[in-house]
Amino acid sequence: MIRQFNAAKKQVQLSVFRKRSEKRMTLALFDLDHTLLKGDSDYQWGQFLIGKGLVEPEQYAAANLYFFEQYKQGVLDIHAYSAFAFEPLSEHSMAELAVLHREFMVSVIQPLITDAARQLVEQHREQGHTLMVITATNSFITRPIVEAFGIPHLLATEPKVVDGHYTREIDGIPCFQAGKVTRLQQWLETSAETLSGSYFYSDSRNDLPLLEMVDNPIAVDPDDTLRAIALEKSWPILSLR
């Protein structure tokens, strides 16, 4: 009787272990701008607003370029930039913004999505990997783009919403530099996923904290700093353009 009980107990434990193992899948993480896209959606959204006459063209273009250069140099003040980038969002209703974003997707974003980027995502999907975009660009801009790739998970910088309108503040931890690591760790705590066997694709020196955490860091059309580090560490380098 005791032998039968122990055998049954062992069977239950094996069953639970299998179920837990089945829930865990390899994470495939993707940066968005200059990685899955052959351009920067955040910067292009600013240029789109200028083209629509919704912001003062000269001052906005100069500020947009200034922050973009800061980002490329790895010295961006994410809070100052977000206050600037969120201001046009705060001045329009959600319905108005949705209409603008649909036009933005068609006229600006679709041409920035390459066949190579789609194929890379599909390769991971076919392997049963858990797909996620993790990006510093805010969720208003990025969520429809991520949905266009059929990627179910997104971690992005979140604009704070009050009374149904965006504000100029960040809600929570910005998904930028070390903040990407923190946001991902928070997500992992609420999921059955782990970083075992994980992949992360990025173009930017700003993503080094997360690239150094995953099992498979891949540099995609990298900036000069990331290219040098990738070569030094023998990380794969690929192009999606």
Protein backbone atom coordinates (compact mmCIF):
# COMPACT_ATOMS: atom_id res chain seq x y z
CA MET A 1 0.00 0.00 0.00
CA ILE A 2 2.82 2.40 0.95
CA ARG A 3 4.65 1.48 -2.26
CA GLN A 4 1.54 2.26 -4.34
CA PHE A 5 1.05 5.57 -2.51
CA ASN A 6 4.67 6.60 -3.14
CA ALA A 7 4.38 5.62 -6.80
CA ALA A 8 1.19 7.67 -7.16
CA LYS A 9 2.81 10.63 -5.39
CA LYS A 10 5.81 10.47 -7.69
CA GLN A 11 3.48 10.38 -10.72
CA VAL A 12 1.68 13.51 -9.51
CA GLN A 13 5.01 15.30 -8.95
CA LEU A 14 6.19 14.38 -12.45
CA SER A 15 2.90 15.59 -13.91
CA VAL A 16 3.20 18.95 -12.12
CA PHE A 17 6.83 19.28 -13.27
CA ARG A 18 5.85 18.55 -16.88
CA LYS A 19 3.05 21.14 -16.76
CA ARG A 20 5.41 23.77 -15.39
CA SER A 21 8.01 22.90 -18.00
CA GLU A 22 5.43 23.09 -20.78
CA LYS A 23 4.50 26.63 -19.72
CA ARG A 24 8.09 27.82 -19.96
CA MET A 25 9.21 28.72 -23.45
CA THR A 26 12.32 30.40 -24.73
CA LEU A 27 12.02 34.19 -24.67
CA ALA A 28 12.79 36.01 -27.91
CA LEU A 29 13.15 39.71 -27.10
CA PHE A 30 13.35 42.41 -29.76
CA ASP A 31 14.19 46.08 -29.59
CA LEU A 32 12.03 48.01 -32.05
CA ASP A 33 13.64 51.15 -33.47
CA HIS A 34 16.53 50.47 -35.85
CA THR A 35 16.13 46.78 -35.05
CA LEU A 36 12.78 45.42 -36.25
CA LEU A 37 12.24 48.77 -37.97
CA LYS A 38 14.75 50.32 -40.37
CA GLY A 39 14.19 53.66 -38.68
CA ASP A 40 13.10 55.27 -35.41
CA SER A 41 9.34 55.31 -34.81
CA ASP A 42 9.62 57.88 -32.01
CA TYR A 43 11.59 60.35 -34.12
CA GLN A 44 9.39 59.71 -37.15
CA TRP A 45 6.24 60.35 -35.12
CA GLY A 46 7.64 63.82 -34.35
CA GLN A 47 8.34 64.43 -38.03
CA PHE A 48 4.82 63.20 -38.85
CA LEU A 49 3.33 65.74 -36.42
CA ILE A 50 5.37 68.49 -38.07
CA GLY A 51 4.09 67.42 -41.49
CA LYS A 52 0.50 67.52 -40.23
CA GLY A 53 0.99 71.05 -38.88
CA LEU A 54 0.19 69.93 -35.33
CA VAL A 55 3.37 71.35 -33.74
CA GLU A 56 5.48 74.42 -34.34
CA PRO A 57 7.79 73.15 -37.09
CA GLU A 58 11.17 74.78 -36.51
CA GLN A 59 11.32 74.55 -32.71
CA TYR A 60 9.87 71.04 -32.61
CA ALA A 61 12.16 69.75 -35.35
CA ALA A 62 15.22 71.18 -33.57
CA ALA A 63 14.22 69.65 -30.22
CA ASN A 64 13.32 66.32 -31.82
CA LEU A 65 16.74 66.15 -33.48
CA TYR A 66 18.52 67.23 -30.28
CA PHE A 67 16.96 64.41 -28.25
CA PHE A 68 17.55 61.91 -31.05
CA GLU A 69 21.26 62.75 -31.07
CA GLN A 70 21.36 62.42 -27.28
CA TYR A 71 19.84 58.96 -27.59
CA LYS A 72 22.39 57.86 -30.18
CA GLN A 73 25.21 59.07 -27.93
CA GLY A 74 23.80 57.13 -24.95
CA VAL A 75 23.19 60.26 -22.83
CA LEU A 76 19.45 60.82 -23.26
CA ASP A 77 17.52 62.23 -20.28
CA ILE A 78 14.48 60.00 -20.70
CA HIS A 79 12.27 62.10 -18.41
CA ALA A 80 13.05 65.37 -20.22
CA TYR A 81 12.55 63.68 -23.57
CA SER A 82 9.29 62.08 -22.52
CA ALA A 83 7.88 65.40 -21.30
CA PHE A 84 8.65 66.79 -24.77
CA ALA A 85 7.33 63.76 -26.67
CA PHE A 86 4.17 63.36 -24.59
CA GLU A 87 3.10 67.01 -24.90
CA PRO A 88 1.35 66.56 -28.29
CA LEU A 89 -0.36 63.43 -26.92
CA SER A 90 -1.69 65.44 -23.98
CA GLU A 91 -3.23 68.02 -26.34
CA HIS A 92 -5.48 65.59 -28.23
CA SER A 93 -8.23 63.14 -27.34
CA MET A 94 -7.67 59.41 -27.52
CA ALA A 95 -10.02 59.23 -30.51
CA GLU A 96 -8.09 61.94 -32.39
CA LEU A 97 -4.79 60.23 -31.62
CA ALA A 98 -6.11 56.88 -32.87
CA VAL A 99 -7.02 58.44 -36.23
CA LEU A 100 -3.59 60.06 -36.50
CA HIS A 101 -1.81 56.82 -35.63
CA ARG A 102 -3.66 54.85 -38.30
CA GLU A 103 -2.41 57.31 -40.91
CA PHE A 104 1.08 57.19 -39.37
CA MET A 105 1.13 53.39 -39.62
CA VAL A 106 0.27 53.40 -43.31
CA SER A 107 2.35 56.33 -44.50
CA VAL A 108 5.42 56.03 -42.26
CA ILE A 109 5.73 52.73 -40.43
CA GLN A 110 4.79 50.13 -43.03
CA PRO A 111 7.68 51.18 -45.32
CA LEU A 112 10.07 50.73 -42.36
CA ILE A 113 9.16 47.05 -41.86
CA THR A 114 11.44 44.81 -43.92
CA ASP A 115 10.83 41.28 -45.09
CA ALA A 116 13.95 40.22 -43.18
CA ALA A 117 12.50 41.55 -39.92
CA ARG A 118 9.22 39.72 -40.47
CA GLN A 119 11.08 36.52 -41.32
CA LEU A 120 13.17 36.72 -38.15
CA VAL A 121 10.07 37.07 -35.99
CA GLU A 122 8.42 34.15 -37.83
CA GLN A 123 11.47 31.94 -37.30
CA HIS A 124 11.14 32.39 -33.55
CA ARG A 125 7.37 31.96 -33.68
CA GLU A 126 7.74 28.66 -35.55
CA GLN A 127 10.05 27.43 -32.79
CA GLY A 128 7.35 28.11 -30.21
CA HIS A 129 9.27 30.94 -28.57
CA THR A 130 7.59 33.61 -26.46
CA LEU A 131 7.83 36.84 -28.45
CA MET A 132 8.24 40.27 -26.87
CA VAL A 133 9.21 43.76 -27.99
CA ILE A 134 10.99 45.73 -25.28
CA THR A 135 11.48 49.38 -26.24
CA ALA A 136 12.10 52.81 -24.79
CA THR A 137 9.57 54.32 -27.20
CA ASN A 138 6.19 54.92 -25.61
CA SER A 139 3.37 52.40 -25.83
CA PHE A 140 1.03 54.74 -27.75
CA ILE A 141 3.41 54.74 -30.69
CA THR A 142 4.63 51.18 -30.43
CA ARG A 143 1.62 49.01 -29.55
CA PRO A 144 0.03 49.09 -33.04
CA ILE A 145 3.44 48.41 -34.60
CA VAL A 146 4.02 45.41 -32.35
CA GLU A 147 0.53 44.14 -33.18
CA ALA A 148 1.35 44.43 -36.89
CA PHE A 149 4.19 41.95 -36.30
CA GLY A 150 1.80 39.65 -34.44
CA ILE A 151 3.97 39.88 -31.31
CA PRO A 152 1.84 39.35 -28.20
CA HIS A 153 3.99 40.98 -25.52
CA LEU A 154 5.20 44.59 -25.25
CA LEU A 155 7.21 46.38 -22.61
CA ALA A 156 7.47 50.09 -23.40
CA THR A 157 7.72 53.43 -21.65
CA GLU A 158 4.20 54.20 -20.45
CA PRO A 159 2.71 57.71 -20.61
CA LYS A 160 0.65 58.48 -17.52
CA VAL A 161 -3.09 58.79 -18.20
CA VAL A 162 -5.35 61.01 -16.06
CA ASP A 163 -9.09 61.34 -16.70
CA GLY A 164 -8.78 59.60 -20.04
CA HIS A 165 -6.03 61.89 -21.38
CA TYR A 166 -2.29 61.44 -21.70
CA THR A 167 -0.10 63.63 -19.50
CA ARG A 168 3.54 64.65 -19.92
CA GLU A 169 4.67 62.25 -17.19
CA ILE A 170 5.98 58.70 -17.31
CA ASP A 171 3.88 56.11 -15.52
CA GLY A 172 6.24 53.88 -13.54
CA ILE A 173 9.77 52.95 -14.61
CA PRO A 174 10.86 54.09 -18.09
CA CYS A 175 11.74 51.15 -20.32
CA PHE A 176 15.20 52.54 -21.09
CA GLN A 177 18.76 51.33 -20.47
CA ALA A 178 18.82 49.61 -17.03
CA GLY A 179 15.08 50.27 -16.81
CA LYS A 180 14.56 47.61 -19.47
CA VAL A 181 16.16 45.07 -17.15
CA THR A 182 13.96 46.16 -14.24
CA ARG A 183 10.77 46.10 -16.30
CA LEU A 184 11.60 42.66 -17.69
CA GLN A 185 12.38 41.30 -14.22
CA GLN A 186 9.01 42.59 -13.01
CA TRP A 187 7.31 40.86 -15.92
CA LEU A 188 9.16 37.60 -15.28
CA GLU A 189 7.94 37.62 -11.67
CA THR A 190 4.34 37.44 -12.89
CA SER A 191 4.86 34.90 -15.67
CA ALA A 192 6.03 31.32 -16.02
CA GLU A 193 8.94 32.42 -18.23
CA THR A 194 12.66 32.53 -17.43
CA LEU A 195 15.75 33.88 -19.16
CA SER A 196 17.04 30.37 -19.80
CA GLY A 197 17.98 30.18 -23.49
CA SER A 198 16.73 33.73 -24.08
CA TYR A 199 17.49 35.90 -27.12
CA PHE A 200 17.67 39.68 -27.38
CA TYR A 201 18.10 41.60 -30.64
CA SER A 202 19.17 45.25 -30.50
CA ASP A 203 21.01 47.92 -32.44
CA SER A 204 21.95 50.22 -29.57
CA ARG A 205 24.59 50.76 -26.90
CA ASN A 206 21.67 51.82 -24.70
CA ASP A 207 20.61 48.17 -24.50
CA LEU A 208 23.90 46.78 -23.18
CA PRO A 209 22.47 46.09 -19.68
CA LEU A 210 19.89 43.71 -21.14
CA LEU A 211 22.15 42.29 -23.85
CA GLU A 212 24.56 41.20 -21.13
CA MET A 213 21.77 39.41 -19.22
CA VAL A 214 20.39 37.10 -21.91
CA ASP A 215 21.90 33.84 -23.11
CA ASN A 216 21.90 34.87 -26.77
CA PRO A 217 22.65 38.58 -27.37
CA ILE A 218 22.51 39.57 -31.07
CA ALA A 219 23.56 42.95 -32.47
CA VAL A 220 21.34 44.12 -35.34
CA ASP A 221 22.73 46.82 -37.63
CA PRO A 222 24.54 48.06 -34.50
CA ASP A 223 25.82 51.51 -33.69
CA ASP A 224 29.60 51.85 -33.56
CA THR A 225 29.85 51.26 -29.81
CA LEU A 226 27.69 48.15 -29.83
CA ARG A 227 29.47 46.80 -32.92
CA ALA A 228 32.86 47.08 -31.19
CA ILE A 229 31.56 45.35 -28.05
CA ALA A 230 29.83 42.63 -30.09
CA LEU A 231 33.07 41.91 -31.95
CA GLU A 232 35.03 41.86 -28.68
CA LYS A 233 32.54 39.46 -27.04
CA SER A 234 31.96 37.38 -30.22
CA TRP A 235 28.24 38.20 -30.26
CA PRO A 236 26.50 37.54 -33.61
CA ILE A 237 25.96 40.61 -35.80
CA LEU A 238 23.24 40.65 -38.42
CA SER A 239 21.38 43.07 -40.68
CA LEU A 240 17.63 43.23 -41.21
CA ARG A 241 17.78 45.95 -43.85
